Amino acid sequence: MDFTTFSARSRYAAQINAGYSARLAGTRLSDNPHMVWVDGQVLPMGEKALAWQHGWRQADRDEKRRGGAR
């Protein structure tokens, strides 16, 4: 899913923002609250999990662009 489109960003704004904030707070990518684990394996991620991951990765890119944590 393309989370750079306006419609996707609007629909999943809460998950994208939560992922972004989680990254800034030091939460690991694997701590995505929308991922489903069964017997130690991650099931295919739904759109909410992917949106959270998109926000997390965007924060990671933004932080690296600024030269790291402040």
N, C-alpha and C. Protein backbone atom coordinates (compact mmCIF):
# COMPACT_ATOMS: atom_id res chain seq x y z
N MET A 1 0.85 -1.18 0.00
CA MET A 1 0.00 0.00 0.00
C MET A 1 0.90 1.24 0.00
N ASP A 2 0.47 2.24 -0.74
CA ASP A 2 1.22 3.48 -0.86
C ASP A 2 0.71 4.49 0.17
N PHE A 3 1.48 4.68 1.23
CA PHE A 3 1.07 5.59 2.30
C PHE A 3 1.48 7.03 2.02
N THR A 4 1.98 7.29 0.82
CA THR A 4 2.31 8.67 0.48
C THR A 4 1.13 9.38 -0.18
N THR A 5 0.08 8.64 -0.53
CA THR A 5 -1.09 9.29 -1.12
C THR A 5 -1.93 9.94 -0.03
N PHE A 6 -2.63 10.99 -0.40
CA PHE A 6 -3.44 11.72 0.57
C PHE A 6 -4.51 10.81 1.19
N SER A 7 -5.17 10.02 0.37
CA SER A 7 -6.26 9.19 0.89
C SER A 7 -5.75 8.16 1.90
N ALA A 8 -4.61 7.56 1.64
CA ALA A 8 -4.05 6.58 2.58
C ALA A 8 -3.57 7.27 3.85
N ARG A 9 -2.92 8.42 3.71
CA ARG A 9 -2.46 9.15 4.90
C ARG A 9 -3.64 9.58 5.76
N SER A 10 -4.72 9.97 5.12
CA SER A 10 -5.92 10.38 5.86
C SER A 10 -6.56 9.20 6.57
N ARG A 11 -6.69 8.09 5.87
CA ARG A 11 -7.36 6.92 6.43
C ARG A 11 -6.57 6.31 7.59
N TYR A 12 -5.25 6.35 7.50
CA TYR A 12 -4.42 5.69 8.52
C TYR A 12 -3.58 6.69 9.32
N ALA A 13 -4.06 7.92 9.43
CA ALA A 13 -3.30 8.96 10.14
C ALA A 13 -2.97 8.55 11.58
N ALA A 14 -3.91 7.96 12.26
CA ALA A 14 -3.68 7.59 13.67
C ALA A 14 -2.55 6.57 13.79
N GLN A 15 -2.54 5.58 12.92
CA GLN A 15 -1.49 4.56 12.98
C GLN A 15 -0.14 5.11 12.53
N ILE A 16 -0.14 5.94 11.49
CA ILE A 16 1.11 6.54 11.02
C ILE A 16 1.70 7.43 12.11
N ASN A 17 0.87 8.27 12.72
CA ASN A 17 1.35 9.15 13.78
C ASN A 17 1.83 8.37 15.00
N ALA A 18 1.12 7.30 15.33
CA ALA A 18 1.53 6.47 16.47
C ALA A 18 2.87 5.81 16.21
N GLY A 19 3.09 5.33 14.98
CA GLY A 19 4.38 4.73 14.64
C GLY A 19 5.50 5.76 14.67
N TYR A 20 5.22 6.96 14.18
CA TYR A 20 6.21 8.04 14.19
C TYR A 20 6.59 8.38 15.63
N SER A 21 5.59 8.56 16.46
CA SER A 21 5.84 8.90 17.87
C SER A 21 6.56 7.77 18.59
N ALA A 22 6.21 6.54 18.26
CA ALA A 22 6.86 5.39 18.90
C ALA A 22 8.35 5.38 18.57
N ARG A 23 8.70 5.67 17.34
CA ARG A 23 10.12 5.69 16.95
C ARG A 23 10.85 6.78 17.71
N LEU A 24 10.26 7.94 17.84
CA LEU A 24 10.90 9.03 18.57
C LEU A 24 11.05 8.72 20.05
N ALA A 25 10.16 7.87 20.57
CA ALA A 25 10.22 7.47 21.98
C ALA A 25 11.16 6.29 22.20
N GLY A 26 11.76 5.77 21.13
CA GLY A 26 12.71 4.68 21.28
C GLY A 26 12.12 3.28 21.16
N THR A 27 10.87 3.18 20.73
CA THR A 27 10.24 1.87 20.56
C THR A 27 10.83 1.17 19.35
N ARG A 28 11.04 -0.13 19.48
CA ARG A 28 11.59 -0.92 18.38
C ARG A 28 10.52 -1.18 17.32
N LEU A 29 10.97 -1.35 16.09
CA LEU A 29 10.06 -1.65 14.98
C LEU A 29 9.30 -2.94 15.24
N SER A 30 9.93 -3.90 15.87
CA SER A 30 9.28 -5.19 16.14
C SER A 30 8.21 -5.10 17.23
N ASP A 31 8.10 -3.95 17.89
CA ASP A 31 7.07 -3.76 18.91
C ASP A 31 5.78 -3.17 18.33
N ASN A 32 5.62 -3.25 17.04
CA ASN A 32 4.42 -2.77 16.35
C ASN A 32 3.19 -3.42 16.99
N PRO A 33 2.28 -2.64 17.58
CA PRO A 33 1.13 -3.22 18.27
C PRO A 33 0.11 -3.88 17.35
N HIS A 34 0.23 -3.67 16.06
CA HIS A 34 -0.73 -4.24 15.11
C HIS A 34 -0.25 -5.55 14.49
N MET A 35 0.98 -5.96 14.81
CA MET A 35 1.49 -7.22 14.27
C MET A 35 0.90 -8.38 15.05
N VAL A 36 0.65 -9.47 14.37
CA VAL A 36 0.07 -10.65 14.99
C VAL A 36 1.12 -11.76 15.00
N TRP A 37 1.45 -12.24 16.19
CA TRP A 37 2.43 -13.30 16.35
C TRP A 37 1.71 -14.61 16.66
N VAL A 38 2.09 -15.68 15.96
CA VAL A 38 1.55 -17.01 16.22
C VAL A 38 2.74 -17.97 16.21
N ASP A 39 2.94 -18.65 17.33
CA ASP A 39 4.04 -19.61 17.45
C ASP A 39 5.39 -19.01 17.05
N GLY A 40 5.62 -17.77 17.46
CA GLY A 40 6.89 -17.11 17.19
C GLY A 40 7.05 -16.59 15.77
N GLN A 41 6.01 -16.67 14.98
CA GLN A 41 6.04 -16.18 13.59
C GLN A 41 5.07 -15.03 13.43
N VAL A 42 5.45 -14.07 12.61
CA VAL A 42 4.57 -12.93 12.33
C VAL A 42 3.66 -13.31 11.16
N LEU A 43 2.36 -13.15 11.36
CA LEU A 43 1.42 -13.36 10.26
C LEU A 43 1.54 -12.19 9.29
N PRO A 44 1.11 -12.36 8.05
CA PRO A 44 1.15 -11.23 7.11
C PRO A 44 0.49 -10.00 7.74
N MET A 45 1.13 -8.87 7.59
CA MET A 45 0.66 -7.66 8.25
C MET A 45 -0.53 -7.05 7.53
N GLY A 46 -1.47 -6.57 8.31
CA GLY A 46 -2.61 -5.85 7.78
C GLY A 46 -2.24 -4.41 7.50
N GLU A 47 -3.20 -3.66 7.01
CA GLU A 47 -2.94 -2.28 6.63
C GLU A 47 -2.59 -1.39 7.82
N LYS A 48 -3.20 -1.65 8.98
CA LYS A 48 -2.87 -0.84 10.16
C LYS A 48 -1.42 -1.07 10.59
N ALA A 49 -0.99 -2.31 10.54
CA ALA A 49 0.40 -2.63 10.90
C ALA A 49 1.36 -1.99 9.92
N LEU A 50 1.03 -2.03 8.64
CA LEU A 50 1.88 -1.42 7.63
C LEU A 50 1.92 0.10 7.77
N ALA A 51 0.79 0.70 8.14
CA ALA A 51 0.76 2.15 8.35
C ALA A 51 1.61 2.55 9.54
N TRP A 52 1.53 1.78 10.63
CA TRP A 52 2.35 2.04 11.82
C TRP A 52 3.82 1.95 11.44
N GLN A 53 4.17 0.92 10.68
CA GLN A 53 5.54 0.70 10.24
C GLN A 53 6.01 1.86 9.34
N HIS A 54 5.13 2.34 8.48
CA HIS A 54 5.47 3.47 7.62
C HIS A 54 5.81 4.70 8.46
N GLY A 55 5.00 4.99 9.48
CA GLY A 55 5.27 6.12 10.36
C GLY A 55 6.58 5.95 11.10
N TRP A 56 6.85 4.74 11.58
CA TRP A 56 8.10 4.45 12.31
C TRP A 56 9.30 4.70 11.41
N ARG A 57 9.21 4.18 10.18
CA ARG A 57 10.34 4.34 9.24
C ARG A 57 10.51 5.79 8.80
N GLN A 58 9.41 6.52 8.68
CA GLN A 58 9.52 7.94 8.32
C GLN A 58 10.24 8.71 9.42
N ALA A 59 9.92 8.43 10.67
CA ALA A 59 10.62 9.09 11.78
C ALA A 59 12.09 8.72 11.78
N ASP A 60 12.40 7.47 11.46
CA ASP A 60 13.78 7.03 11.40
C ASP A 60 14.54 7.79 10.31
N ARG A 61 13.92 7.93 9.14
CA ARG A 61 14.56 8.68 8.05
C ARG A 61 14.73 10.15 8.43
N ASP A 62 13.70 10.74 9.02
CA ASP A 62 13.78 12.15 9.41
C ASP A 62 14.89 12.38 10.43
N GLU A 63 15.02 11.47 11.39
CA GLU A 63 16.04 11.62 12.41
C GLU A 63 17.45 11.50 11.80
N LYS A 64 17.62 10.56 10.90
CA LYS A 64 18.92 10.38 10.25
C LYS A 64 19.25 11.59 9.38
N ARG A 65 18.25 12.16 8.74
CA ARG A 65 18.45 13.35 7.92
C ARG A 65 18.92 14.54 8.76
N ARG A 66 18.41 14.62 9.99
CA ARG A 66 18.78 15.72 10.89
C ARG A 66 20.11 15.46 11.59
N GLY A 67 20.67 14.29 11.41
CA GLY A 67 21.97 14.00 12.01
C GLY A 67 21.88 13.27 13.33
N GLY A 68 20.81 12.54 13.57
CA GLY A 68 20.70 11.73 14.79
C GLY A 68 19.87 12.37 15.87
N ALA A 69 19.80 11.69 16.98
CA ALA A 69 19.00 12.16 18.11
C ALA A 69 19.59 13.44 18.69
N ARG A 70 18.73 14.25 19.22
CA ARG A 70 19.20 15.52 19.83
C ARG A 70 19.13 15.43 21.32
